[in-house]
Amino acid sequence: MSELVLVDSADAVATVTLNRPEKRNALSLELRRDLGDEFERLGAAADVAVVVLTGAGTAFCAGMDRTQFGGDDANRREIWETSNRLFDALSAVAAPVIAAVNGPALGGGCALAAVCDVRLASPTATFGHPEIKLGIPPSYAALLRMLPDQIAREMAFTGRVVEANEALALGIVREIADDVVGRAQELAKEMAQHGAAVLRQTKKLMIEAGGGVAEAAWRAEMALFGRVLFGE
């Protein structure tokens, strides 16, 4: 088992914890690879009814580990491939996924939360895509999964980060809880009592009914990310 991704399973609920607290769970190559592996495994695990995703320490996920950017073409290719695979694997998890956002969820961390089906927040949680402040296009597609179009655009253009109370008012999160992981596990168990099969069927229907706007925006962003990495 990876030291960077901890998994605890009980009562058909799998709790996945990003375990890089000294770096605020920033998504290194290794963490993206291991997390992608785990989501692929969970996606195929018929005995898992619900997944809870959270972060160790005081952050949910501070985003991509930019210290690993650059390097030769092989490194850039690995950055793009591990990022693409991670979000594909999370999107493909057949079971409902609850994000227990226990602190900042920024950049790639906000995108992780956005792909989840339900988001709960601790009082210290924050959400946003501040990449534009660094001259990097932010993920409008991730914001669009959580927000009305006009607000998603405003946050993308400004890089504004919202705190938990505003996130609740905007509908980014379902509720705020002091023990956000415990509350997420409680909600997961409530869902799990209906059985994995019907939960998976319900999620499949939701995906089919959701349309392709956010998915098309996501594919366009990943293509742009690749061009930025390779200087095209």
Protein backbone atom coordinates (compact mmCIF):
# COMPACT_ATOMS: atom_id res chain seq x y z
CA MET A 1 0.00 0.00 0.00
CA SER A 2 1.21 3.52 -0.81
CA GLU A 3 2.40 5.73 2.04
CA LEU A 4 1.02 8.73 0.14
CA VAL A 5 -2.54 7.38 -0.10
CA LEU A 6 -4.14 5.80 2.96
CA VAL A 7 -7.28 3.69 2.59
CA ASP A 8 -9.55 2.53 5.40
CA SER A 9 -12.58 0.40 4.59
CA ALA A 10 -15.53 -0.38 6.87
CA ASP A 11 -19.20 -1.16 6.26
CA ALA A 12 -18.83 -0.86 2.45
CA VAL A 13 -17.37 2.65 2.82
CA ALA A 14 -13.78 3.32 1.69
CA THR A 15 -12.10 6.40 3.16
CA VAL A 16 -9.21 7.61 1.00
CA THR A 17 -6.77 10.06 2.60
CA LEU A 18 -4.13 12.06 0.76
CA ASN A 19 -1.14 11.63 3.05
CA ARG A 20 1.39 14.34 2.30
CA PRO A 21 0.55 16.76 5.12
CA GLU A 22 4.00 18.38 5.25
CA LYS A 23 3.31 19.70 1.70
CA ARG A 24 -0.39 20.37 2.33
CA ASN A 25 -1.12 17.31 0.20
CA ALA A 26 0.15 18.99 -2.95
CA LEU A 27 -0.20 16.65 -5.92
CA SER A 28 3.30 15.38 -6.69
CA LEU A 29 3.92 12.96 -9.54
CA GLU A 30 4.05 10.11 -7.05
CA LEU A 31 0.85 11.14 -5.27
CA ARG A 32 -1.03 11.56 -8.56
CA ARG A 33 0.17 8.13 -9.71
CA ASP A 34 -0.75 6.39 -6.45
CA LEU A 35 -4.09 8.14 -6.17
CA GLY A 36 -4.93 7.23 -9.75
CA ASP A 37 -4.09 3.60 -8.94
CA GLU A 38 -6.39 3.67 -5.92
CA PHE A 39 -9.31 5.23 -7.78
CA GLU A 40 -8.96 2.65 -10.55
CA ARG A 41 -9.01 -0.13 -7.93
CA LEU A 42 -12.05 1.35 -6.19
CA GLY A 43 -13.80 1.82 -9.50
CA ALA A 44 -13.64 -1.95 -10.03
CA ALA A 45 -14.45 -2.94 -6.41
CA ALA A 46 -18.04 -4.18 -6.39
CA ASP A 47 -18.07 -4.37 -2.58
CA VAL A 48 -17.43 -0.61 -2.16
CA ALA A 49 -20.72 1.28 -1.95
CA VAL A 50 -19.40 4.78 -1.19
CA VAL A 51 -16.00 6.50 -1.18
CA VAL A 52 -14.96 9.36 1.15
CA LEU A 53 -12.01 11.50 0.02
CA THR A 54 -10.09 13.73 2.43
CA GLY A 55 -6.61 15.01 3.26
CA ALA A 56 -4.23 14.42 6.16
CA GLY A 57 -3.28 17.36 8.35
CA THR A 58 -4.75 20.83 7.95
CA ALA A 59 -5.27 20.90 4.17
CA PHE A 60 -7.44 18.95 1.77
CA CYS A 61 -5.11 19.55 -1.17
CA ALA A 62 -3.11 22.67 -2.04
CA GLY A 63 -3.04 21.84 -5.75
CA MET A 64 -0.35 20.66 -8.13
CA ASP A 65 3.21 20.42 -6.84
CA ARG A 66 4.72 23.09 -9.08
CA THR A 67 8.25 22.34 -7.85
CA GLN A 68 8.18 19.34 -10.21
CA PHE A 69 7.17 21.34 -13.27
CA GLY A 70 9.65 21.84 -16.08
CA GLY A 71 12.46 19.41 -16.77
CA ASP A 72 12.86 17.46 -19.98
CA ASP A 73 10.13 16.24 -22.31
CA ALA A 74 9.88 12.91 -20.48
CA ASN A 75 9.13 14.70 -17.19
CA ARG A 76 6.58 16.98 -18.85
CA ARG A 77 4.93 13.97 -20.45
CA GLU A 78 4.69 12.25 -17.06
CA ILE A 79 3.17 15.38 -15.50
CA TRP A 80 0.47 15.47 -18.17
CA GLU A 81 -0.21 11.73 -18.18
CA THR A 82 -0.47 11.34 -14.40
CA SER A 83 -2.77 14.37 -14.16
CA ASN A 84 -5.03 13.18 -16.95
CA ARG A 85 -5.17 9.64 -15.58
CA LEU A 86 -5.91 10.79 -12.02
CA PHE A 87 -8.96 12.82 -12.95
CA ASP A 88 -10.17 10.21 -15.43
CA ALA A 89 -9.91 7.56 -12.70
CA LEU A 90 -11.79 9.67 -10.14
CA SER A 91 -14.50 10.51 -12.67
CA ALA A 92 -14.86 6.81 -13.50
CA VAL A 93 -15.39 5.62 -9.90
CA ALA A 94 -18.79 3.97 -10.17
CA ALA A 95 -19.67 4.50 -6.50
CA PRO A 96 -20.70 7.88 -5.08
CA VAL A 97 -17.70 9.90 -3.85
CA ILE A 98 -18.00 12.34 -0.94
CA ALA A 99 -15.31 15.00 -0.50
CA ALA A 100 -14.61 15.75 3.16
CA VAL A 101 -12.80 19.04 2.63
CA ASN A 102 -10.89 19.56 5.85
CA GLY A 103 -8.92 22.67 4.81
CA PRO A 104 -7.78 24.50 1.67
CA ALA A 105 -8.83 22.94 -1.64
CA LEU A 106 -7.00 25.02 -4.21
CA GLY A 107 -6.14 24.57 -7.87
CA GLY A 108 -5.90 20.86 -8.56
CA GLY A 109 -7.27 20.24 -5.05
CA CYS A 110 -10.38 22.23 -5.85
CA ALA A 111 -10.70 20.22 -9.06
CA LEU A 112 -10.53 16.97 -7.05
CA ALA A 113 -13.36 18.19 -4.83
CA ALA A 114 -15.34 19.33 -7.87
CA VAL A 115 -15.30 15.87 -9.44
CA CYS A 116 -16.77 14.34 -6.27
CA ASP A 117 -20.52 13.84 -6.06
CA VAL A 118 -21.09 15.56 -2.70
CA ARG A 119 -18.85 18.01 -0.87
CA LEU A 120 -18.79 18.70 2.87
CA ALA A 121 -16.50 21.28 4.45
CA SER A 122 -14.83 22.00 7.74
CA PRO A 123 -14.99 25.61 9.01
CA THR A 124 -11.38 26.08 7.78
CA ALA A 125 -12.04 24.89 4.23
CA THR A 126 -11.41 27.20 1.29
CA PHE A 127 -12.08 26.70 -2.41
CA GLY A 128 -10.73 28.31 -5.54
CA HIS A 129 -8.54 28.30 -8.60
CA PRO A 130 -5.99 31.09 -8.02
CA GLU A 131 -3.69 29.89 -10.84
CA ILE A 132 -4.47 32.96 -12.96
CA LYS A 133 -2.49 35.04 -10.45
CA LEU A 134 0.57 33.00 -11.52
CA GLY A 135 -0.12 33.44 -15.21
CA ILE A 136 -1.62 29.94 -15.53
CA PRO A 137 -5.14 29.41 -16.94
CA PRO A 138 -7.37 28.08 -14.12
CA SER A 139 -9.88 25.24 -14.38
CA TYR A 140 -13.15 26.78 -15.47
CA ALA A 141 -14.41 23.23 -16.04
CA ALA A 142 -13.95 22.35 -12.37
CA LEU A 143 -15.67 25.53 -11.23
CA LEU A 144 -18.52 24.89 -13.66
CA ARG A 145 -19.19 21.53 -12.00
CA MET A 146 -19.97 23.35 -8.74
CA LEU A 147 -21.28 26.79 -9.69
CA PRO A 148 -23.57 28.69 -12.05
CA ASP A 149 -21.73 29.79 -15.17
CA GLN A 150 -21.45 33.49 -14.30
CA ILE A 151 -19.96 32.83 -10.87
CA ALA A 152 -17.61 30.18 -12.28
CA ARG A 153 -16.35 32.70 -14.83
CA GLU A 154 -15.90 35.42 -12.22
CA MET A 155 -13.87 33.14 -9.96
CA ALA A 156 -11.78 31.90 -12.88
CA PHE A 157 -11.00 35.42 -14.13
CA THR A 158 -10.19 36.84 -10.68
CA GLY A 159 -8.61 33.82 -8.96
CA ARG A 160 -10.81 34.58 -5.96
CA VAL A 161 -10.78 32.01 -3.14
CA VAL A 162 -13.93 31.54 -1.06
CA GLU A 163 -14.16 30.45 2.57
CA ALA A 164 -16.46 27.79 3.92
CA ASN A 165 -19.48 29.98 4.70
CA GLU A 166 -19.52 31.51 1.22
CA ALA A 167 -18.94 28.08 -0.31
CA LEU A 168 -22.07 26.89 1.50
CA ALA A 169 -24.09 29.91 0.32
CA LEU A 170 -22.94 29.37 -3.27
CA GLY A 171 -23.78 25.67 -3.18
CA ILE A 172 -20.19 24.47 -3.55
CA VAL A 173 -20.65 22.40 -0.39
CA ARG A 174 -23.69 20.68 1.09
CA GLU A 175 -22.88 21.51 4.71
CA ILE A 176 -20.20 22.58 7.16
CA ALA A 177 -19.17 20.27 10.01
CA ASP A 178 -16.49 20.55 12.68
CA ASP A 179 -15.70 16.84 12.29
CA VAL A 180 -16.03 16.82 8.53
CA VAL A 181 -14.58 13.34 8.02
CA GLY A 182 -16.88 11.84 10.65
CA ARG A 183 -19.87 13.58 9.12
CA ALA A 184 -18.89 12.39 5.63
CA GLN A 185 -18.58 8.82 6.88
CA GLU A 186 -21.97 9.10 8.57
CA LEU A 187 -23.54 10.28 5.29
CA ALA A 188 -21.68 7.55 3.39
CA LYS A 189 -23.10 4.87 5.70
CA GLU A 190 -26.59 6.29 5.21
CA MET A 191 -26.11 5.94 1.44
CA ALA A 192 -24.44 2.53 1.70
CA GLN A 193 -27.42 0.93 3.43
CA HIS A 194 -29.20 0.95 0.06
CA GLY A 195 -26.55 -1.32 -1.47
CA ALA A 196 -23.68 -0.77 -3.88
CA ALA A 197 -25.55 -1.93 -6.98
CA VAL A 198 -28.38 0.59 -6.86
CA LEU A 199 -26.02 3.41 -5.89
CA ARG A 200 -23.87 2.67 -8.94
CA GLN A 201 -26.93 2.51 -11.18
CA THR A 202 -28.11 5.85 -9.80
CA LYS A 203 -24.75 7.51 -10.38
CA LYS A 204 -24.65 6.17 -13.94
CA LEU A 205 -28.04 7.75 -14.60
CA MET A 206 -26.84 11.05 -13.15
CA ILE A 207 -23.80 11.07 -15.44
CA GLU A 208 -25.90 10.26 -18.49
CA ALA A 209 -28.42 12.98 -17.60
CA GLY A 210 -25.76 15.60 -16.89
CA GLY A 211 -24.86 16.44 -20.49
CA GLY A 212 -21.39 16.97 -21.88
CA VAL A 213 -20.67 20.66 -21.31
CA ALA A 214 -18.38 20.25 -18.29
CA GLU A 215 -16.75 17.16 -19.81
CA ALA A 216 -16.01 18.99 -23.07
CA ALA A 217 -14.54 21.92 -21.12
CA TRP A 218 -12.41 19.51 -19.10
CA ARG A 219 -11.02 17.82 -22.25
CA ALA A 220 -10.21 21.20 -23.75
CA GLU A 221 -8.38 22.25 -20.57
CA MET A 222 -6.30 19.07 -20.45
CA ALA A 223 -5.31 19.61 -24.08
CA LEU A 224 -4.32 23.20 -23.25
CA PHE A 225 -2.37 22.01 -20.19
CA GLY A 226 -0.40 19.68 -22.44
CA ARG A 227 0.40 22.49 -24.88
CA VAL A 228 1.52 24.76 -22.02
CA LEU A 229 3.78 22.04 -20.61
CA PHE A 230 5.41 21.44 -23.99
CA GLY A 231 5.63 25.11 -24.94
CA GLU A 232 3.47 24.70 -28.05
